[in-house]
């Protein structure tokens, strides 16, 4: 099961790099996207907690019905640390590019 979960996280990473996921910034250390699939709403959140060592948290949940499908905290499940850190870093990079594009739109409208 661990390999399947890692492949799923790799899917989030690749789709983030391809700009197929619209991550929103919750705060400087948390990002989220929401997607409706076949009448179900999915929320994916990736977070960084400033602990020693840094704890990364990935949560996948549905809102109809409310259910947590997956939650990994790397301080407990260390084998996921590098891949969730890669997702977190990828989200930050993707958001920087998106933010620059949005600022360009703003400037173009002036």
N, C-alpha and C. Protein backbone atom coordinates (compact mmCIF):
# COMPACT_ATOMS: atom_id res chain seq x y z
N UNK A 1 0.82 -1.20 0.00
CA UNK A 1 0.00 0.00 0.00
C UNK A 1 0.87 1.26 0.00
N UNK A 2 2.01 1.21 0.67
CA UNK A 2 2.90 2.37 0.73
C UNK A 2 3.32 2.82 -0.67
N UNK A 3 3.64 1.89 -1.54
CA UNK A 3 4.05 2.24 -2.90
C UNK A 3 2.90 2.87 -3.68
N UNK A 4 1.68 2.39 -3.49
CA UNK A 4 0.51 2.96 -4.16
C UNK A 4 0.31 4.40 -3.71
N UNK A 5 0.43 4.65 -2.41
CA UNK A 5 0.26 6.01 -1.90
C UNK A 5 1.36 6.91 -2.46
N UNK A 6 2.59 6.44 -2.51
CA UNK A 6 3.68 7.25 -3.08
C UNK A 6 3.41 7.58 -4.54
N UNK A 7 2.87 6.64 -5.30
CA UNK A 7 2.54 6.90 -6.70
C UNK A 7 1.43 7.95 -6.81
N UNK A 8 0.47 7.90 -5.90
CA UNK A 8 -0.59 8.91 -5.90
C UNK A 8 -0.02 10.29 -5.58
N UNK A 9 0.90 10.36 -4.62
CA UNK A 9 1.53 11.65 -4.30
C UNK A 9 2.35 12.14 -5.49
N UNK A 10 3.05 11.23 -6.17
CA UNK A 10 3.77 11.60 -7.39
C UNK A 10 2.81 12.17 -8.43
N UNK A 11 1.59 11.63 -8.48
CA UNK A 11 0.58 12.17 -9.39
C UNK A 11 0.24 13.61 -9.06
N UNK A 12 0.10 13.92 -7.76
CA UNK A 12 -0.13 15.31 -7.36
C UNK A 12 1.05 16.19 -7.75
N UNK A 13 2.26 15.68 -7.58
CA UNK A 13 3.46 16.45 -7.92
C UNK A 13 3.49 16.75 -9.42
N UNK A 14 3.30 15.74 -10.24
CA UNK A 14 3.39 15.95 -11.70
C UNK A 14 2.28 16.87 -12.19
N UNK A 15 1.08 16.71 -11.67
CA UNK A 15 -0.02 17.59 -12.11
C UNK A 15 0.17 19.01 -11.60
N UNK A 16 0.84 19.16 -10.47
CA UNK A 16 1.17 20.50 -9.97
C UNK A 16 2.18 21.17 -10.91
N UNK A 17 3.21 20.43 -11.32
CA UNK A 17 4.22 20.98 -12.24
C UNK A 17 3.61 21.31 -13.60
N UNK A 18 2.58 20.57 -14.00
CA UNK A 18 1.91 20.82 -15.28
C UNK A 18 0.84 21.90 -15.16
N UNK A 19 0.69 22.49 -13.99
CA UNK A 19 -0.30 23.55 -13.70
C UNK A 19 -1.73 23.06 -13.91
N UNK A 20 -1.98 21.79 -13.58
CA UNK A 20 -3.31 21.22 -13.69
C UNK A 20 -4.08 21.30 -12.37
N UNK A 21 -3.39 21.73 -11.33
CA UNK A 21 -4.03 21.86 -10.01
C UNK A 21 -3.98 23.32 -9.60
N UNK A 22 -5.14 23.86 -9.23
CA UNK A 22 -5.23 25.25 -8.78
C UNK A 22 -5.12 25.31 -7.26
N UNK A 23 -3.88 25.26 -6.78
CA UNK A 23 -3.65 25.35 -5.34
C UNK A 23 -3.92 26.77 -4.89
N UNK A 24 -4.57 26.92 -3.74
CA UNK A 24 -4.75 28.24 -3.15
C UNK A 24 -3.93 28.30 -1.86
N UNK A 25 -3.48 29.48 -1.54
CA UNK A 25 -2.67 29.68 -0.34
C UNK A 25 -3.59 29.91 0.84
N UNK A 26 -3.49 29.03 1.83
CA UNK A 26 -4.24 29.21 3.07
C UNK A 26 -3.45 30.16 3.98
N UNK A 27 -2.17 29.91 4.10
CA UNK A 27 -1.22 30.78 4.77
C UNK A 27 0.16 30.42 4.23
N UNK A 28 1.20 31.00 4.77
CA UNK A 28 2.54 30.77 4.24
C UNK A 28 3.00 29.32 4.35
N UNK A 29 2.33 28.54 5.15
CA UNK A 29 2.74 27.15 5.39
C UNK A 29 1.67 26.13 5.03
N UNK A 30 0.57 26.55 4.37
CA UNK A 30 -0.51 25.62 4.04
C UNK A 30 -1.14 25.99 2.70
N UNK A 31 -1.38 24.96 1.89
CA UNK A 31 -1.96 25.13 0.56
C UNK A 31 -3.05 24.09 0.36
N UNK A 32 -4.07 24.45 -0.45
CA UNK A 32 -5.22 23.56 -0.61
C UNK A 32 -5.78 23.69 -2.02
N UNK A 33 -6.34 22.58 -2.50
CA UNK A 33 -7.18 22.66 -3.68
C UNK A 33 -8.42 21.81 -3.46
N UNK A 34 -9.50 22.21 -4.14
CA UNK A 34 -10.78 21.52 -4.05
C UNK A 34 -11.19 21.11 -5.45
N UNK A 35 -11.68 19.90 -5.58
CA UNK A 35 -12.08 19.39 -6.89
C UNK A 35 -13.34 18.56 -6.73
N UNK A 36 -14.31 18.78 -7.61
CA UNK A 36 -15.53 17.99 -7.62
C UNK A 36 -15.36 16.88 -8.65
N UNK A 37 -15.60 15.64 -8.23
CA UNK A 37 -15.48 14.48 -9.10
C UNK A 37 -16.69 13.59 -8.87
N UNK A 38 -17.45 13.37 -9.92
CA UNK A 38 -18.62 12.49 -9.85
C UNK A 38 -19.53 12.80 -8.67
N UNK A 39 -19.79 14.09 -8.46
CA UNK A 39 -20.70 14.52 -7.41
C UNK A 39 -20.11 14.55 -6.01
N UNK A 40 -18.83 14.25 -5.89
CA UNK A 40 -18.16 14.31 -4.58
C UNK A 40 -17.13 15.42 -4.60
N UNK A 41 -17.06 16.17 -3.53
CA UNK A 41 -16.07 17.23 -3.40
C UNK A 41 -14.87 16.72 -2.62
N UNK A 42 -13.70 16.85 -3.24
CA UNK A 42 -12.45 16.44 -2.61
C UNK A 42 -11.64 17.67 -2.25
N UNK A 43 -11.03 17.64 -1.09
CA UNK A 43 -10.14 18.70 -0.65
C UNK A 43 -8.79 18.07 -0.32
N UNK A 44 -7.74 18.64 -0.91
CA UNK A 44 -6.38 18.17 -0.65
C UNK A 44 -5.62 19.33 -0.03
N UNK A 45 -4.98 19.08 1.09
CA UNK A 45 -4.22 20.10 1.79
C UNK A 45 -2.82 19.58 2.06
N UNK A 46 -1.83 20.43 1.81
CA UNK A 46 -0.45 20.10 2.16
C UNK A 46 0.07 21.24 3.04
N UNK A 47 0.71 20.85 4.16
CA UNK A 47 1.14 21.83 5.15
C UNK A 47 2.56 21.53 5.63
N UNK A 48 3.20 22.59 6.09
CA UNK A 48 4.50 22.46 6.72
C UNK A 48 4.38 23.01 8.13
N UNK A 49 4.78 22.22 9.12
CA UNK A 49 4.78 22.67 10.51
C UNK A 49 6.21 22.82 10.97
N UNK A 50 6.50 23.98 11.54
CA UNK A 50 7.86 24.30 11.97
C UNK A 50 8.19 23.59 13.28
N UNK A 51 8.53 22.33 13.15
CA UNK A 51 9.00 21.55 14.27
C UNK A 51 10.42 21.09 13.93
N UNK A 52 11.05 20.40 14.82
CA UNK A 52 12.38 19.86 14.54
C UNK A 52 12.31 18.36 14.64
N UNK A 53 12.48 17.63 13.52
CA UNK A 53 12.57 18.15 12.16
C UNK A 53 11.21 18.65 11.67
N UNK A 54 11.22 19.35 10.55
CA UNK A 54 9.99 19.89 9.98
C UNK A 54 9.01 18.75 9.73
N UNK A 55 7.76 18.96 10.09
CA UNK A 55 6.70 17.99 9.88
C UNK A 55 5.85 18.44 8.69
N UNK A 56 5.71 17.57 7.70
CA UNK A 56 4.84 17.84 6.56
C UNK A 56 3.59 17.01 6.73
N UNK A 57 2.43 17.61 6.41
CA UNK A 57 1.16 16.93 6.55
C UNK A 57 0.42 17.00 5.22
N UNK A 58 -0.03 15.85 4.76
CA UNK A 58 -0.86 15.75 3.56
C UNK A 58 -2.20 15.17 3.98
N UNK A 59 -3.28 15.86 3.63
CA UNK A 59 -4.62 15.39 3.96
C UNK A 59 -5.46 15.39 2.69
N UNK A 60 -6.17 14.28 2.47
CA UNK A 60 -7.13 14.18 1.38
C UNK A 60 -8.47 13.81 2.02
N UNK A 61 -9.49 14.63 1.75
CA UNK A 61 -10.78 14.37 2.37
C UNK A 61 -11.91 14.68 1.41
N UNK A 62 -13.09 14.15 1.72
CA UNK A 62 -14.29 14.48 0.96
C UNK A 62 -15.22 15.25 1.88
N UNK A 63 -16.10 16.02 1.26
CA UNK A 63 -17.04 16.81 2.06
C UNK A 63 -18.47 16.30 1.93
N UNK A 64 -18.68 15.29 1.09
CA UNK A 64 -20.03 14.74 0.97
C UNK A 64 -19.97 13.26 0.66
N UNK A 65 -19.90 12.41 1.64
CA UNK A 65 -19.94 12.69 3.08
C UNK A 65 -18.58 13.15 3.59
N UNK A 66 -18.59 13.78 4.77
CA UNK A 66 -17.34 14.21 5.40
C UNK A 66 -16.53 12.98 5.79
N UNK A 67 -15.36 12.87 5.18
CA UNK A 67 -14.52 11.71 5.45
C UNK A 67 -13.07 12.05 5.12
N UNK A 68 -12.17 11.69 6.01
CA UNK A 68 -10.75 11.81 5.74
C UNK A 68 -10.32 10.53 5.04
N UNK A 69 -9.87 10.65 3.79
CA UNK A 69 -9.45 9.49 3.02
C UNK A 69 -8.00 9.13 3.30
N UNK A 70 -7.20 10.17 3.56
CA UNK A 70 -5.77 9.95 3.79
C UNK A 70 -5.23 11.11 4.60
N UNK A 71 -4.44 10.81 5.60
CA UNK A 71 -3.69 11.86 6.30
C UNK A 71 -2.34 11.26 6.69
N UNK A 72 -1.31 11.93 6.23
CA UNK A 72 0.05 11.50 6.54
C UNK A 72 0.75 12.65 7.24
N UNK A 73 1.34 12.37 8.39
CA UNK A 73 2.17 13.33 9.10
C UNK A 73 3.57 12.73 9.13
N UNK A 74 4.51 13.45 8.54
CA UNK A 74 5.84 12.86 8.35
C UNK A 74 6.62 12.66 9.64
N UNK A 75 6.23 13.33 10.71
CA UNK A 75 6.93 13.04 11.97
C UNK A 75 6.55 11.66 12.49
N UNK A 76 5.42 11.12 12.03
CA UNK A 76 5.02 9.76 12.41
C UNK A 76 5.36 8.75 11.33
N UNK A 77 5.23 9.16 10.07
CA UNK A 77 5.48 8.26 8.94
C UNK A 77 6.64 8.81 8.12
N UNK A 78 7.83 8.61 8.62
CA UNK A 78 9.05 9.21 8.07
C UNK A 78 9.33 8.79 6.63
N UNK A 79 8.84 7.62 6.21
CA UNK A 79 9.10 7.15 4.85
C UNK A 79 8.45 8.03 3.78
N UNK A 80 7.51 8.90 4.18
CA UNK A 80 6.85 9.80 3.24
C UNK A 80 7.43 11.21 3.26
N UNK A 81 8.40 11.46 4.12
CA UNK A 81 8.91 12.81 4.31
C UNK A 81 9.40 13.45 3.01
N UNK A 82 10.26 12.79 2.29
CA UNK A 82 10.86 13.40 1.09
C UNK A 82 9.83 13.65 0.00
N UNK A 83 8.90 12.73 -0.19
CA UNK A 83 7.94 12.90 -1.27
C UNK A 83 6.91 13.99 -0.95
N UNK A 84 6.50 14.09 0.32
CA UNK A 84 5.56 15.15 0.68
C UNK A 84 6.26 16.50 0.70
N UNK A 85 7.53 16.53 1.09
CA UNK A 85 8.31 17.77 1.00
C UNK A 85 8.43 18.19 -0.46
N UNK A 86 8.64 17.24 -1.37
CA UNK A 86 8.71 17.56 -2.81
C UNK A 86 7.39 18.14 -3.30
N UNK A 87 6.27 17.60 -2.82
CA UNK A 87 4.96 18.16 -3.19
C UNK A 87 4.83 19.57 -2.65
N UNK A 88 5.16 19.76 -1.38
CA UNK A 88 5.05 21.09 -0.77
C UNK A 88 5.90 22.11 -1.53
N UNK A 89 7.15 21.75 -1.82
CA UNK A 89 8.03 22.65 -2.57
C UNK A 89 7.50 22.92 -3.97
N UNK A 90 6.94 21.89 -4.62
CA UNK A 90 6.37 22.07 -5.95
C UNK A 90 5.17 23.01 -5.94
N UNK A 91 4.36 22.91 -4.91
CA UNK A 91 3.20 23.80 -4.77
C UNK A 91 3.67 25.24 -4.61
N UNK A 92 4.69 25.46 -3.80
CA UNK A 92 5.21 26.82 -3.61
C UNK A 92 5.68 27.39 -4.95
N UNK A 93 6.44 26.61 -5.71
CA UNK A 93 6.94 27.08 -7.00
C UNK A 93 5.80 27.36 -7.97
N UNK A 94 4.82 26.47 -8.03
CA UNK A 94 3.68 26.67 -8.92
C UNK A 94 2.90 27.93 -8.55
N UNK A 95 2.74 28.16 -7.24
CA UNK A 95 2.00 29.34 -6.80
C UNK A 95 2.75 30.63 -7.11
N UNK A 96 4.08 30.59 -7.02
CA UNK A 96 4.86 31.79 -7.37
C UNK A 96 4.58 32.18 -8.81
N UNK A 97 4.61 31.20 -9.69
CA UNK A 97 4.34 31.47 -11.11
C UNK A 97 2.93 31.98 -11.32
N UNK A 98 1.96 31.36 -10.65
CA UNK A 98 0.57 31.80 -10.78
C UNK A 98 0.40 33.21 -10.24
N UNK A 99 1.02 33.51 -9.12
CA UNK A 99 0.92 34.85 -8.56
C UNK A 99 1.51 35.89 -9.51
N UNK A 100 2.63 35.57 -10.14
CA UNK A 100 3.23 36.51 -11.11
C UNK A 100 2.31 36.73 -12.29
N UNK A 101 1.66 35.67 -12.78
CA UNK A 101 0.72 35.82 -13.90
C UNK A 101 -0.46 36.69 -13.50
N UNK A 102 -0.94 36.52 -12.27
CA UNK A 102 -2.07 37.34 -11.79
C UNK A 102 -1.66 38.81 -11.68
N UNK A 103 -0.46 39.07 -11.20
CA UNK A 103 0.01 40.46 -11.10
C UNK A 103 0.16 41.06 -12.50
N UNK A 104 0.65 40.27 -13.46
CA UNK A 104 0.73 40.75 -14.85
C UNK A 104 -0.66 41.13 -15.36
N UNK A 105 -1.66 40.33 -15.08
CA UNK A 105 -3.04 40.65 -15.50
C UNK A 105 -3.48 41.98 -14.89
N UNK A 106 -3.17 42.16 -13.61
CA UNK A 106 -3.52 43.39 -12.94
C UNK A 106 -2.85 44.58 -13.62
N UNK A 107 -1.56 44.46 -13.87
CA UNK A 107 -0.82 45.56 -14.51
C UNK A 107 -1.32 45.83 -15.92
N UNK A 108 -1.66 44.77 -16.67
CA UNK A 108 -2.18 44.94 -18.02
C UNK A 108 -3.52 45.66 -18.02
N UNK A 109 -4.26 45.54 -16.94
CA UNK A 109 -5.58 46.17 -16.89
C UNK A 109 -5.52 47.65 -16.50
N UNK A 110 -4.36 48.11 -16.10
CA UNK A 110 -4.22 49.51 -15.66
C UNK A 110 -3.99 50.45 -16.81
